[in-house]
């Protein structure tokens, strides 16, 4: 490790930082809808996604799937891959706030560290 980094706490190194409030892709979709003047009803009609599902997505209660991302890309020119990457990062940050999962993760890492090849 670089001598300059040895005295820096590990939680202050960029690769180890975690977002406190991850952004759900629904927020970006909601902003784009407002910019384009789309209502949820209009977007529902254009994409064939039910109004209820769109409402849940824009309020962060439902995940953006591959199919939904592709439909949003087609109707609003939001890149599907960007929306899916946002969803993945959001999911990851939410999981990393789950203490019981963190314990399982530590146990798995300890197991991996103890295995000799």
PDB file of N, CA and C in Angstrom:
ATOM      1  N   UNK A   1       0.845  -1.179   0.000  1.00  0.00           N
ATOM      2  CA  UNK A   1       0.000   0.000   0.000  1.00  0.00           C
ATOM      3  C   UNK A   1       0.884   1.233   0.000  1.00  0.00           C
ATOM      4  N   UNK A   2       0.496   2.257  -0.701  1.00  0.00           N
ATOM      5  CA  UNK A   2       1.205   3.521  -0.763  1.00  0.00           C
ATOM      6  C   UNK A   2       1.358   4.089   0.649  1.00  0.00           C
ATOM      7  N   UNK A   3       2.574   4.558   0.987  1.00  0.00           N
ATOM      8  CA  UNK A   3       2.827   5.102   2.325  1.00  0.00           C
ATOM      9  C   UNK A   3       1.894   6.249   2.673  1.00  0.00           C
ATOM     10  N   UNK A   4       1.480   7.037   1.699  1.00  0.00           N
ATOM     11  CA  UNK A   4       0.588   8.172   1.941  1.00  0.00           C
ATOM     12  C   UNK A   4      -0.786   7.710   2.413  1.00  0.00           C
ATOM     13  N   UNK A   5      -1.196   6.505   2.023  1.00  0.00           N
ATOM     14  CA  UNK A   5      -2.523   6.006   2.363  1.00  0.00           C
ATOM     15  C   UNK A   5      -2.556   5.231   3.674  1.00  0.00           C
ATOM     16  N   UNK A   6      -1.406   4.894   4.228  1.00  0.00           N
ATOM     17  CA  UNK A   6      -1.373   4.054   5.421  1.00  0.00           C
ATOM     18  C   UNK A   6      -2.040   4.700   6.628  1.00  0.00           C
ATOM     19  N   UNK A   7      -2.006   6.013   6.730  1.00  0.00           N
ATOM     20  CA  UNK A   7      -2.567   6.696   7.897  1.00  0.00           C
ATOM     21  C   UNK A   7      -3.999   7.167   7.677  1.00  0.00           C
ATOM     22  N   UNK A   8      -4.569   6.843   6.539  1.00  0.00           N
ATOM     23  CA  UNK A   8      -5.946   7.249   6.247  1.00  0.00           C
ATOM     24  C   UNK A   8      -6.886   6.129   6.679  1.00  0.00           C
ATOM     25  N   UNK A   9      -7.906   6.470   7.495  1.00  0.00           N
ATOM     26  CA  UNK A   9      -8.871   5.435   7.890  1.00  0.00           C
ATOM     27  C   UNK A   9      -9.511   4.788   6.661  1.00  0.00           C
ATOM     28  N   UNK A  10      -9.726   3.479   6.719  1.00  0.00           N
ATOM     29  CA  UNK A  10     -10.239   2.756   5.548  1.00  0.00           C
ATOM     30  C   UNK A  10     -11.597   3.276   5.093  1.00  0.00           C
ATOM     31  N   UNK A  11     -12.416   3.814   6.035  1.00  0.00           N
ATOM     32  CA  UNK A  11     -13.731   4.307   5.633  1.00  0.00           C
ATOM     33  C   UNK A  11     -13.663   5.668   4.951  1.00  0.00           C
ATOM     34  N   UNK A  12     -12.466   6.220   4.820  1.00  0.00           N
ATOM     35  CA  UNK A  12     -12.299   7.504   4.134  1.00  0.00           C
ATOM     36  C   UNK A  12     -11.695   7.329   2.739  1.00  0.00           C
ATOM     37  N   UNK A  13     -11.400   6.102   2.357  1.00  0.00           N
ATOM     38  CA  UNK A  13     -10.879   5.821   1.024  1.00  0.00           C
ATOM     39  C   UNK A  13     -12.064   5.673   0.082  1.00  0.00           C
ATOM     40  N   UNK A  14     -12.003   6.324  -1.060  1.00  0.00           N
ATOM     41  CA  UNK A  14     -13.144   6.409  -1.987  1.00  0.00           C
ATOM     42  C   UNK A  14     -13.774   5.056  -2.292  1.00  0.00           C
ATOM     43  N   UNK A  15     -12.981   4.033  -2.504  1.00  0.00           N
ATOM     44  CA  UNK A  15     -13.536   2.720  -2.838  1.00  0.00           C
ATOM     45  C   UNK A  15     -14.298   2.087  -1.683  1.00  0.00           C
ATOM     46  N   UNK A  16     -14.123   2.596  -0.482  1.00  0.00           N
ATOM     47  CA  UNK A  16     -14.789   2.033   0.683  1.00  0.00           C
ATOM     48  C   UNK A  16     -15.991   2.848   1.138  1.00  0.00           C
ATOM     49  N   UNK A  17     -16.234   3.971   0.508  1.00  0.00           N
ATOM     50  CA  UNK A  17     -17.339   4.836   0.918  1.00  0.00           C
ATOM     51  C   UNK A  17     -18.671   4.280   0.448  1.00  0.00           C
ATOM     52  N   UNK A  18     -19.705   4.529   1.237  1.00  0.00           N
ATOM     53  CA  UNK A  18     -21.056   4.126   0.880  1.00  0.00           C
ATOM     54  C   UNK A  18     -21.963   5.346   0.953  1.00  0.00           C
ATOM     55  N   UNK A  19     -22.909   5.414   0.049  1.00  0.00           N
ATOM     56  CA  UNK A  19     -23.848   6.520  -0.004  1.00  0.00           C
ATOM     57  C   UNK A  19     -24.816   6.388   1.170  1.00  0.00           C
ATOM     58  N   UNK A  20     -25.027   7.488   1.893  1.00  0.00           N
ATOM     59  CA  UNK A  20     -25.970   7.448   3.010  1.00  0.00           C
ATOM     60  C   UNK A  20     -27.409   7.378   2.529  1.00  0.00           C
ATOM     61  N   UNK A  21     -27.721   8.092   1.494  1.00  0.00           N
ATOM     62  CA  UNK A  21     -29.068   8.100   0.939  1.00  0.00           C
ATOM     63  C   UNK A  21     -28.987   7.803  -0.552  1.00  0.00           C
ATOM     64  N   UNK A  22     -28.946   6.529  -0.899  1.00  0.00           N
ATOM     65  CA  UNK A  22     -28.835   6.191  -2.325  1.00  0.00           C
ATOM     66  C   UNK A  22     -30.047   6.694  -3.102  1.00  0.00           C
ATOM     67  N   UNK A  23     -29.820   7.024  -4.352  1.00  0.00           N
ATOM     68  CA  UNK A  23     -30.888   7.550  -5.204  1.00  0.00           C
ATOM     69  C   UNK A  23     -31.546   6.405  -5.961  1.00  0.00           C
ATOM     70  N   UNK A  24     -32.834   6.284  -5.770  1.00  0.00           N
ATOM     71  CA  UNK A  24     -33.614   5.295  -6.509  1.00  0.00           C
ATOM     72  C   UNK A  24     -33.816   5.837  -7.922  1.00  0.00           C
ATOM     73  N   UNK A  25     -33.721   4.996  -8.965  1.00  0.00           N
ATOM     74  CA  UNK A  25     -33.892   5.487 -10.337  1.00  0.00           C
ATOM     75  C   UNK A  25     -35.262   6.119 -10.575  1.00  0.00           C
ATOM     76  N   UNK A  26     -36.238   5.794  -9.736  1.00  0.00           N
ATOM     77  CA  UNK A  26     -37.553   6.403  -9.866  1.00  0.00           C
ATOM     78  C   UNK A  26     -37.509   7.912  -9.736  1.00  0.00           C
ATOM     79  N   UNK A  27     -36.545   8.425  -8.950  1.00  0.00           N
ATOM     80  CA  UNK A  27     -36.405   9.875  -8.810  1.00  0.00           C
ATOM     81  C   UNK A  27     -35.997  10.516 -10.129  1.00  0.00           C
ATOM     82  N   UNK A  28     -35.096   9.865 -10.846  1.00  0.00           N
ATOM     83  CA  UNK A  28     -34.660  10.370 -12.146  1.00  0.00           C
ATOM     84  C   UNK A  28     -35.815  10.308 -13.147  1.00  0.00           C
ATOM     85  N   UNK A  29     -36.552   9.215 -13.109  1.00  0.00           N
ATOM     86  CA  UNK A  29     -37.703   9.050 -14.003  1.00  0.00           C
ATOM     87  C   UNK A  29     -38.740  10.127 -13.709  1.00  0.00           C
ATOM     88  N   UNK A  30     -38.998  10.366 -12.444  1.00  0.00           N
ATOM     89  CA  UNK A  30     -39.963  11.405 -12.042  1.00  0.00           C
ATOM     90  C   UNK A  30     -39.518  12.777 -12.536  1.00  0.00           C
ATOM     91  N   UNK A  31     -38.236  13.102 -12.349  1.00  0.00           N
ATOM     92  CA  UNK A  31     -37.709  14.391 -12.817  1.00  0.00           C
ATOM     93  C   UNK A  31     -37.849  14.528 -14.326  1.00  0.00           C
ATOM     94  N   UNK A  32     -37.545  13.462 -15.047  1.00  0.00           N
ATOM     95  CA  UNK A  32     -37.634  13.500 -16.512  1.00  0.00           C
ATOM     96  C   UNK A  32     -39.087  13.645 -16.959  1.00  0.00           C
ATOM     97  N   UNK A  33     -39.992  12.979 -16.260  1.00  0.00           N
ATOM     98  CA  UNK A  33     -41.420  13.112 -16.571  1.00  0.00           C
ATOM     99  C   UNK A  33     -41.860  14.570 -16.411  1.00  0.00           C
ATOM    100  N   UNK A  34     -41.442  15.196 -15.320  1.00  0.00           N
ATOM    101  CA  UNK A  34     -41.796  16.595 -15.075  1.00  0.00           C
ATOM    102  C   UNK A  34     -41.222  17.495 -16.162  1.00  0.00           C
ATOM    103  N   UNK A  35     -39.962  17.253 -16.528  1.00  0.00           N
ATOM    104  CA  UNK A  35     -39.312  18.053 -17.563  1.00  0.00           C
ATOM    105  C   UNK A  35     -40.042  17.941 -18.903  1.00  0.00           C
ATOM    106  N   UNK A  36     -40.460  16.713 -19.230  1.00  0.00           N
ATOM    107  CA  UNK A  36     -41.139  16.475 -20.504  1.00  0.00           C
ATOM    108  C   UNK A  36     -42.632  16.792 -20.452  1.00  0.00           C
ATOM    109  N   UNK A  37     -43.145  17.047 -19.267  1.00  0.00           N
ATOM    110  CA  UNK A  37     -44.572  17.340 -19.126  1.00  0.00           C
ATOM    111  C   UNK A  37     -45.445  16.098 -19.192  1.00  0.00           C
ATOM    112  N   UNK A  38     -44.875  14.950 -18.821  1.00  0.00           N
ATOM    113  CA  UNK A  38     -45.632  13.696 -18.823  1.00  0.00           C
ATOM    114  C   UNK A  38     -46.284  13.479 -17.469  1.00  0.00           C
ATOM    115  N   UNK A  39     -47.517  13.080 -17.471  1.00  0.00           N
ATOM    116  CA  UNK A  39     -48.158  12.611 -16.244  1.00  0.00           C
ATOM    117  C   UNK A  39     -47.890  11.114 -16.139  1.00  0.00           C
ATOM    118  N   UNK A  40     -48.125  10.560 -14.966  1.00  0.00           N
ATOM    119  CA  UNK A  40     -47.974   9.116 -14.815  1.00  0.00           C
ATOM    120  C   UNK A  40     -48.964   8.387 -15.718  1.00  0.00           C
ATOM    121  N   UNK A  41     -50.136   8.940 -15.849  1.00  0.00           N
ATOM    122  CA  UNK A  41     -51.153   8.330 -16.713  1.00  0.00           C
ATOM    123  C   UNK A  41     -50.687   8.308 -18.165  1.00  0.00           C
ATOM    124  N   UNK A  42     -50.125   9.422 -18.617  1.00  0.00           N
ATOM    125  CA  UNK A  42     -49.655   9.498 -20.009  1.00  0.00           C
ATOM    126  C   UNK A  42     -48.508   8.518 -20.245  1.00  0.00           C
ATOM    127  N   UNK A  43     -47.589   8.435 -19.281  1.00  0.00           N
ATOM    128  CA  UNK A  43     -46.473   7.497 -19.419  1.00  0.00           C
ATOM    129  C   UNK A  43     -46.979   6.059 -19.405  1.00  0.00           C
ATOM    130  N   UNK A  44     -47.980   5.797 -18.583  1.00  0.00           N
ATOM    131  CA  UNK A  44     -48.585   4.468 -18.535  1.00  0.00           C
ATOM    132  C   UNK A  44     -49.169   4.091 -19.894  1.00  0.00           C
ATOM    133  N   UNK A  45     -49.877   5.018 -20.492  1.00  0.00           N
ATOM    134  CA  UNK A  45     -50.472   4.761 -21.812  1.00  0.00           C
ATOM    135  C   UNK A  45     -49.406   4.548 -22.876  1.00  0.00           C
ATOM    136  N   UNK A  46     -48.312   5.318 -22.798  1.00  0.00           N
ATOM    137  CA  UNK A  46     -47.252   5.230 -23.807  1.00  0.00           C
ATOM    138  C   UNK A  46     -46.436   3.946 -23.692  1.00  0.00           C
ATOM    139  N   UNK A  47     -46.269   3.445 -22.458  1.00  0.00           N
ATOM    140  CA  UNK A  47     -45.394   2.288 -22.250  1.00  0.00           C
ATOM    141  C   UNK A  47     -46.136   0.969 -22.067  1.00  0.00           C
ATOM    142  N   UNK A  48     -47.406   1.049 -21.713  1.00  0.00           N
ATOM    143  CA  UNK A  48     -48.144  -0.170 -21.398  1.00  0.00           C
ATOM    144  C   UNK A  48     -47.853  -0.673 -19.991  1.00  0.00           C
ATOM    145  N   UNK A  49     -47.129   0.122 -19.211  1.00  0.00           N
ATOM    146  CA  UNK A  49     -46.870  -0.210 -17.806  1.00  0.00           C
ATOM    147  C   UNK A  49     -48.039   0.356 -17.011  1.00  0.00           C
ATOM    148  N   UNK A  50     -48.574  -0.423 -16.096  1.00  0.00           N
ATOM    149  CA  UNK A  50     -49.738   0.053 -15.358  1.00  0.00           C
ATOM    150  C   UNK A  50     -49.402   1.322 -14.566  1.00  0.00           C
ATOM    151  N   UNK A  51     -50.416   2.149 -14.391  1.00  0.00           N
ATOM    152  CA  UNK A  51     -50.265   3.390 -13.631  1.00  0.00           C
ATOM    153  C   UNK A  51     -49.735   3.089 -12.230  1.00  0.00           C
ATOM    154  N   UNK A  52     -50.260   2.040 -11.612  1.00  0.00           N
ATOM    155  CA  UNK A  52     -49.860   1.670 -10.255  1.00  0.00           C
ATOM    156  C   UNK A  52     -48.367   1.363 -10.196  1.00  0.00           C
ATOM    157  N   UNK A  53     -47.875   0.625 -11.172  1.00  0.00           N
ATOM    158  CA  UNK A  53     -46.453   0.273 -11.196  1.00  0.00           C
ATOM    159  C   UNK A  53     -45.602   1.519 -11.394  1.00  0.00           C
ATOM    160  N   UNK A  54     -45.987   2.392 -12.310  1.00  0.00           N
ATOM    161  CA  UNK A  54     -45.229   3.634 -12.521  1.00  0.00           C
ATOM    162  C   UNK A  54     -45.215   4.455 -11.241  1.00  0.00           C
ATOM    163  N   UNK A  55     -46.350   4.556 -10.572  1.00  0.00           N
ATOM    164  CA  UNK A  55     -46.434   5.306  -9.325  1.00  0.00           C
ATOM    165  C   UNK A  55     -45.496   4.714  -8.280  1.00  0.00           C
ATOM    166  N   UNK A  56     -45.456   3.398  -8.179  1.00  0.00           N
ATOM    167  CA  UNK A  56     -44.572   2.740  -7.215  1.00  0.00           C
ATOM    168  C   UNK A  56     -43.101   2.957  -7.566  1.00  0.00           C
ATOM    169  N   UNK A  57     -42.779   2.957  -8.845  1.00  0.00           N
ATOM    170  CA  UNK A  57     -41.394   3.192  -9.267  1.00  0.00           C
ATOM    171  C   UNK A  57     -40.969   4.609  -8.929  1.00  0.00           C
ATOM    172  N   UNK A  58     -41.771   5.606  -9.297  1.00  0.00           N
ATOM    173  CA  UNK A  58     -41.360   6.994  -9.068  1.00  0.00           C
ATOM    174  C   UNK A  58     -41.321   7.357  -7.587  1.00  0.00           C
ATOM    175  N   UNK A  59     -41.971   6.554  -6.755  1.00  0.00           N
ATOM    176  CA  UNK A  59     -41.918   6.775  -5.311  1.00  0.00           C
ATOM    177  C   UNK A  59     -40.938   5.821  -4.617  1.00  0.00           C
ATOM    178  N   UNK A  60     -40.130   5.106  -5.406  1.00  0.00           N
ATOM    179  CA  UNK A  60     -39.085   4.252  -4.855  1.00  0.00           C
ATOM    180  C   UNK A  60     -39.573   3.001  -4.163  1.00  0.00           C
ATOM    181  N   UNK A  61     -40.793   2.572  -4.471  1.00  0.00           N
ATOM    182  CA  UNK A  61     -41.362   1.391  -3.819  1.00  0.00           C
ATOM    183  C   UNK A  61     -41.257   0.133  -4.671  1.00  0.00           C
ATOM    184  N   UNK A  62     -40.833   0.281  -5.915  1.00  0.00           N
ATOM    185  CA  UNK A  62     -40.713  -0.859  -6.828  1.00  0.00           C
ATOM    186  C   UNK A  62     -39.432  -0.692  -7.624  1.00  0.00           C
ATOM    187  N   UNK A  63     -38.812  -1.817  -7.932  1.00  0.00           N
ATOM    188  CA  UNK A  63     -37.572  -1.792  -8.702  1.00  0.00           C
ATOM    189  C   UNK A  63     -37.838  -1.547 -10.180  1.00  0.00           C
ATOM    190  N   UNK A  64     -36.852  -0.938 -10.822  1.00  0.00           N
ATOM    191  CA  UNK A  64     -36.879  -0.798 -12.275  1.00  0.00           C
ATOM    192  C   UNK A  64     -36.295  -2.082 -12.854  1.00  0.00           C
ATOM    193  N   UNK A  65     -37.099  -2.789 -13.629  1.00  0.00           N
ATOM    194  CA  UNK A  65     -36.652  -4.032 -14.265  1.00  0.00           C
ATOM    195  C   UNK A  65     -36.047  -3.706 -15.627  1.00  0.00           C
ATOM    196  N   UNK A  66     -35.459  -4.697 -16.251  1.00  0.00           N
ATOM    197  CA  UNK A  66     -34.896  -4.514 -17.593  1.00  0.00           C
ATOM    198  C   UNK A  66     -35.986  -4.053 -18.561  1.00  0.00           C
ATOM    199  N   UNK A  67     -37.148  -4.699 -18.498  1.00  0.00           N
ATOM    200  CA  UNK A  67     -38.228  -4.343 -19.415  1.00  0.00           C
ATOM    201  C   UNK A  67     -38.694  -2.908 -19.202  1.00  0.00           C
ATOM    202  N   UNK A  68     -38.887  -2.523 -17.934  1.00  0.00           N
ATOM    203  CA  UNK A  68     -39.321  -1.158 -17.646  1.00  0.00           C
ATOM    204  C   UNK A  68     -38.267  -0.155 -18.107  1.00  0.00           C
ATOM    205  N   UNK A  69     -36.998  -0.451 -17.832  1.00  0.00           N
ATOM    206  CA  UNK A  69     -35.917   0.458 -18.233  1.00  0.00           C
ATOM    207  C   UNK A  69     -35.904   0.665 -19.737  1.00  0.00           C
ATOM    208  N   UNK A  70     -36.121  -0.412 -20.483  1.00  0.00           N
ATOM    209  CA  UNK A  70     -36.120  -0.292 -21.946  1.00  0.00           C
ATOM    210  C   UNK A  70     -37.319   0.534 -22.438  1.00  0.00           C
ATOM    211  N   UNK A  71     -38.449   0.377 -21.776  1.00  0.00           N
ATOM    212  CA  UNK A  71     -39.621   1.172 -22.145  1.00  0.00           C
ATOM    213  C   UNK A  71     -39.431   2.648 -21.790  1.00  0.00           C
ATOM    214  N   UNK A  72     -38.790   2.926 -20.650  1.00  0.00           N
ATOM    215  CA  UNK A  72     -38.502   4.319 -20.289  1.00  0.00           C
ATOM    216  C   UNK A  72     -37.494   4.928 -21.257  1.00  0.00           C
ATOM    217  N   UNK A  73     -36.541   4.122 -21.688  1.00  0.00           N
ATOM    218  CA  UNK A  73     -35.568   4.595 -22.671  1.00  0.00           C
ATOM    219  C   UNK A  73     -36.276   4.966 -23.979  1.00  0.00           C
ATOM    220  N   UNK A  74     -37.200   4.116 -24.395  1.00  0.00           N
ATOM    221  CA  UNK A  74     -37.908   4.356 -25.658  1.00  0.00           C
ATOM    222  C   UNK A  74     -38.810   5.587 -25.582  1.00  0.00           C
ATOM    223  N   UNK A  75     -39.406   5.848 -24.427  1.00  0.00           N
ATOM    224  CA  UNK A  75     -40.363   6.957 -24.333  1.00  0.00           C
ATOM    225  C   UNK A  75     -39.746   8.269 -23.858  1.00  0.00           C
ATOM    226  N   UNK A  76     -38.682   8.188 -23.056  1.00  0.00           N
ATOM    227  CA  UNK A  76     -38.129   9.415 -22.474  1.00  0.00           C
ATOM    228  C   UNK A  76     -36.653   9.618 -22.774  1.00  0.00           C
ATOM    229  N   UNK A  77     -36.064   8.704 -23.540  1.00  0.00           N
ATOM    230  CA  UNK A  77     -34.657   8.804 -23.902  1.00  0.00           C
ATOM    231  C   UNK A  77     -33.726   8.743 -22.693  1.00  0.00           C
ATOM    232  N   UNK A  78     -34.165   8.066 -21.636  1.00  0.00           N
ATOM    233  CA  UNK A  78     -33.296   7.792 -20.495  1.00  0.00           C
ATOM    234  C   UNK A  78     -32.614   6.459 -20.776  1.00  0.00           C
ATOM    235  N   UNK A  79     -31.318   6.419 -20.694  1.00  0.00           N
ATOM    236  CA  UNK A  79     -30.608   5.191 -21.029  1.00  0.00           C
ATOM    237  C   UNK A  79     -30.999   4.063 -20.076  1.00  0.00           C
ATOM    238  N   UNK A  80     -31.426   2.959 -20.650  1.00  0.00           N
ATOM    239  CA  UNK A  80     -31.834   1.797 -19.850  1.00  0.00           C
ATOM    240  C   UNK A  80     -30.700   1.320 -18.958  1.00  0.00           C
ATOM    241  N   UNK A  81     -29.508   1.268 -19.498  1.00  0.00           N
ATOM    242  CA  UNK A  81     -28.369   0.780 -18.724  1.00  0.00           C
ATOM    243  C   UNK A  81     -28.094   1.678 -17.517  1.00  0.00           C
ATOM    244  N   UNK A  82     -28.240   2.988 -17.689  1.00  0.00           N
ATOM    245  CA  UNK A  82     -28.047   3.909 -16.577  1.00  0.00           C
ATOM    246  C   UNK A  82     -29.075   3.643 -15.474  1.00  0.00           C
ATOM    247  N   UNK A  83     -30.338   3.472 -15.868  1.00  0.00           N
ATOM    248  CA  UNK A  83     -31.389   3.207 -14.883  1.00  0.00           C
ATOM    249  C   UNK A  83     -31.128   1.891 -14.152  1.00  0.00           C
ATOM    250  N   UNK A  84     -30.698   0.886 -14.880  1.00  0.00           N
ATOM    251  CA  UNK A  84     -30.426  -0.415 -14.267  1.00  0.00           C
ATOM    252  C   UNK A  84     -29.210  -0.358 -13.345  1.00  0.00           C
ATOM    253  N   UNK A  85     -28.191   0.395 -13.733  1.00  0.00           N
ATOM    254  CA  UNK A  85     -27.030   0.566 -12.862  1.00  0.00           C
ATOM    255  C   UNK A  85     -27.415   1.312 -11.589  1.00  0.00           C
ATOM    256  N   UNK A  86     -28.260   2.320 -11.722  1.00  0.00           N
ATOM    257  CA  UNK A  86     -28.746   3.046 -10.545  1.00  0.00           C
ATOM    258  C   UNK A  86     -29.508   2.104  -9.621  1.00  0.00           C
ATOM    259  N   UNK A  87     -30.348   1.257 -10.208  1.00  0.00           N
ATOM    260  CA  UNK A  87     -31.137   0.319  -9.409  1.00  0.00           C
ATOM    261  C   UNK A  87     -30.219  -0.650  -8.671  1.00  0.00           C
ATOM    262  N   UNK A  88     -29.193  -1.140  -9.369  1.00  0.00           N
ATOM    263  CA  UNK A  88     -28.257  -2.067  -8.748  1.00  0.00           C
ATOM    264  C   UNK A  88     -27.522  -1.397  -7.589  1.00  0.00           C
ATOM    265  N   UNK A  89     -27.034  -0.170  -7.803  1.00  0.00           N
ATOM    266  CA  UNK A  89     -26.330   0.542  -6.731  1.00  0.00           C
ATOM    267  C   UNK A  89     -27.264   0.822  -5.557  1.00  0.00           C
ATOM    268  N   UNK A  90     -28.515   1.197  -5.859  1.00  0.00           N
ATOM    269  CA  UNK A  90     -29.503   1.448  -4.814  1.00  0.00           C
ATOM    270  C   UNK A  90     -29.730   0.172  -3.994  1.00  0.00           C
ATOM    271  N   UNK A  91     -29.952  -0.930  -4.683  1.00  0.00           N
ATOM    272  CA  UNK A  91     -30.175  -2.210  -4.007  1.00  0.00           C
ATOM    273  C   UNK A  91     -28.983  -2.571  -3.121  1.00  0.00           C
ATOM    274  N   UNK A  92     -27.780  -2.384  -3.653  1.00  0.00           N
ATOM    275  CA  UNK A  92     -26.565  -2.720  -2.907  1.00  0.00           C
ATOM    276  C   UNK A  92     -26.464  -1.879  -1.646  1.00  0.00           C
ATOM    277  N   UNK A  93     -26.700  -0.596  -1.757  1.00  0.00           N
ATOM    278  CA  UNK A  93     -26.600   0.278  -0.583  1.00  0.00           C
ATOM    279  C   UNK A  93     -27.661  -0.061   0.460  1.00  0.00           C
ATOM    280  N   UNK A  94     -28.843  -0.426   0.020  1.00  0.00           N
ATOM    281  CA  UNK A  94     -29.888  -0.818   0.966  1.00  0.00           C
ATOM    282  C   UNK A  94     -29.478  -2.095   1.704  1.00  0.00           C
ATOM    283  N   UNK A  95     -28.937  -3.055   0.974  1.00  0.00           N
ATOM    284  CA  UNK A  95     -28.497  -4.316   1.593  1.00  0.00           C
ATOM    285  C   UNK A  95     -27.369  -4.061   2.587  1.00  0.00           C
ATOM    286  N   UNK A  96     -26.474  -3.115   2.252  1.00  0.00           N
ATOM    287  CA  UNK A  96     -25.346  -2.840   3.144  1.00  0.00           C
ATOM    288  C   UNK A  96     -25.762  -2.128   4.427  1.00  0.00           C
ATOM    289  N   UNK A  97     -27.002  -1.724   4.517  1.00  0.00           N
ATOM    290  CA  UNK A  97     -27.525  -1.133   5.750  1.00  0.00           C
ATOM    291  C   UNK A  97     -28.175  -2.188   6.645  1.00  0.00           C
ATOM    292  N   UNK A  98     -28.245  -3.420   6.161  1.00  0.00           N
ATOM    293  CA  UNK A  98     -28.874  -4.522   6.889  1.00  0.00           C
ATOM    294  C   UNK A  98     -27.813  -5.219   7.747  1.00  0.00           C
ATOM    295  N   UNK A  99     -27.880  -5.009   9.050  1.00  0.00           N
ATOM    296  CA  UNK A  99     -26.856  -5.542   9.954  1.00  0.00           C
ATOM    297  C   UNK A  99     -26.745  -7.058   9.927  1.00  0.00           C
ATOM    298  N   UNK A 100     -27.864  -7.765   9.806  1.00  0.00           N
ATOM    299  CA  UNK A 100     -27.770  -9.227   9.785  1.00  0.00           C
ATOM    300  C   UNK A 100     -27.076  -9.700   8.505  1.00  0.00           C
ATOM    301  N   UNK A 101     -27.290  -8.994   7.400  1.00  0.00           N
ATOM    302  CA  UNK A 101     -26.587  -9.357   6.174  1.00  0.00           C
ATOM    303  C   UNK A 101     -25.095  -9.060   6.303  1.00  0.00           C
ATOM    304  N   UNK A 102     -24.759  -7.947   6.930  1.00  0.00           N
ATOM    305  CA  UNK A 102     -23.343  -7.591   7.114  1.00  0.00           C
ATOM    306  C   UNK A 102     -22.638  -8.685   7.905  1.00  0.00           C
ATOM    307  N   UNK A 103     -23.308  -9.225   8.917  1.00  0.00           N
ATOM    308  CA  UNK A 103     -22.715 -10.316   9.696  1.00  0.00           C
ATOM    309  C   UNK A 103     -22.505 -11.557   8.824  1.00  0.00           C
ATOM    310  N   UNK A 104     -23.476 -11.868   7.989  1.00  0.00           N
ATOM    311  CA  UNK A 104     -23.336 -13.013   7.075  1.00  0.00           C
ATOM    312  C   UNK A 104     -22.174 -12.782   6.105  1.00  0.00           C
ATOM    313  N   UNK A 105     -22.054 -11.551   5.634  1.00  0.00           N
ATOM    314  CA  UNK A 105     -20.983 -11.185   4.704  1.00  0.00           C
ATOM    315  C   UNK A 105     -19.620 -11.348   5.378  1.00  0.00           C
ATOM    316  N   UNK A 106     -19.508 -10.894   6.618  1.00  0.00           N
ATOM    317  CA  UNK A 106     -18.251 -11.047   7.362  1.00  0.00           C
ATOM    318  C   UNK A 106     -17.905 -12.524   7.532  1.00  0.00           C
ATOM    319  N   UNK A 107     -18.919 -13.324   7.863  1.00  0.00           N
ATOM    320  CA  UNK A 107     -18.706 -14.763   8.039  1.00  0.00           C
ATOM    321  C   UNK A 107     -18.219 -15.394   6.732  1.00  0.00           C
ATOM    322  N   UNK A 108     -18.820 -15.005   5.622  1.00  0.00           N
ATOM    323  CA  UNK A 108     -18.419 -15.533   4.312  1.00  0.00           C
ATOM    324  C   UNK A 108     -16.991 -15.112   3.971  1.00  0.00           C
ATOM    325  N   UNK A 109     -16.640 -13.862   4.282  1.00  0.00           N
ATOM    326  CA  UNK A 109     -15.273 -13.392   4.006  1.00  0.00           C
ATOM    327  C   UNK A 109     -14.264 -14.118   4.888  1.00  0.00           C
ATOM    328  N   UNK A 110     -14.614 -14.335   6.145  1.00  0.00           N
ATOM    329  CA  UNK A 110     -13.712 -15.081   7.039  1.00  0.00           C
ATOM    330  C   UNK A 110     -13.504 -16.500   6.546  1.00  0.00           C
ATOM    331  N   UNK A 111     -14.586 -17.111   6.072  1.00  0.00           N
ATOM    332  CA  UNK A 111     -14.475 -18.462   5.514  1.00  0.00           C
ATOM    333  C   UNK A 111     -13.536 -18.461   4.315  1.00  0.00           C
ATOM    334  N   UNK A 112     -13.735 -17.509   3.420  1.00  0.00           N
ATOM    335  CA  UNK A 112     -12.903 -17.439   2.210  1.00  0.00           C
ATOM    336  C   UNK A 112     -11.432 -17.206   2.571  1.00  0.00           C
ATOM    337  N   UNK A 113     -11.200 -16.387   3.586  1.00  0.00           N
ATOM    338  CA  UNK A 113      -9.825 -16.106   4.006  1.00  0.00           C
ATOM    339  C   UNK A 113      -9.154 -17.331   4.629  1.00  0.00           C
ATOM    340  N   UNK A 114      -9.961 -18.216   5.206  1.00  0.00           N
ATOM    341  CA  UNK A 114      -9.392 -19.393   5.875  1.00  0.00           C
ATOM    342  C   UNK A 114      -9.157 -20.564   4.928  1.00  0.00           C
ATOM    343  N   UNK A 115      -9.726 -20.495   3.747  1.00  0.00           N
ATOM    344  CA  UNK A 115      -9.575 -21.598   2.792  1.00  0.00           C
ATOM    345  C   UNK A 115      -8.189 -21.531   2.163  1.00  0.00           C
ATOM    346  N   UNK A 116      -7.502 -22.657   2.182  1.00  0.00           N
ATOM    347  CA  UNK A 116      -6.186 -22.722   1.549  1.00  0.00           C
ATOM    348  C   UNK A 116      -6.331 -23.373   0.187  1.00  0.00           C
ATOM    349  N   UNK A 117      -5.683 -22.814  -0.756  1.00  0.00           N
ATOM    350  CA  UNK A 117      -5.748 -23.353  -2.121  1.00  0.00           C
ATOM    351  C   UNK A 117      -4.545 -24.201  -2.428  1.00  0.00           C
TER     352      UNK A 117
END
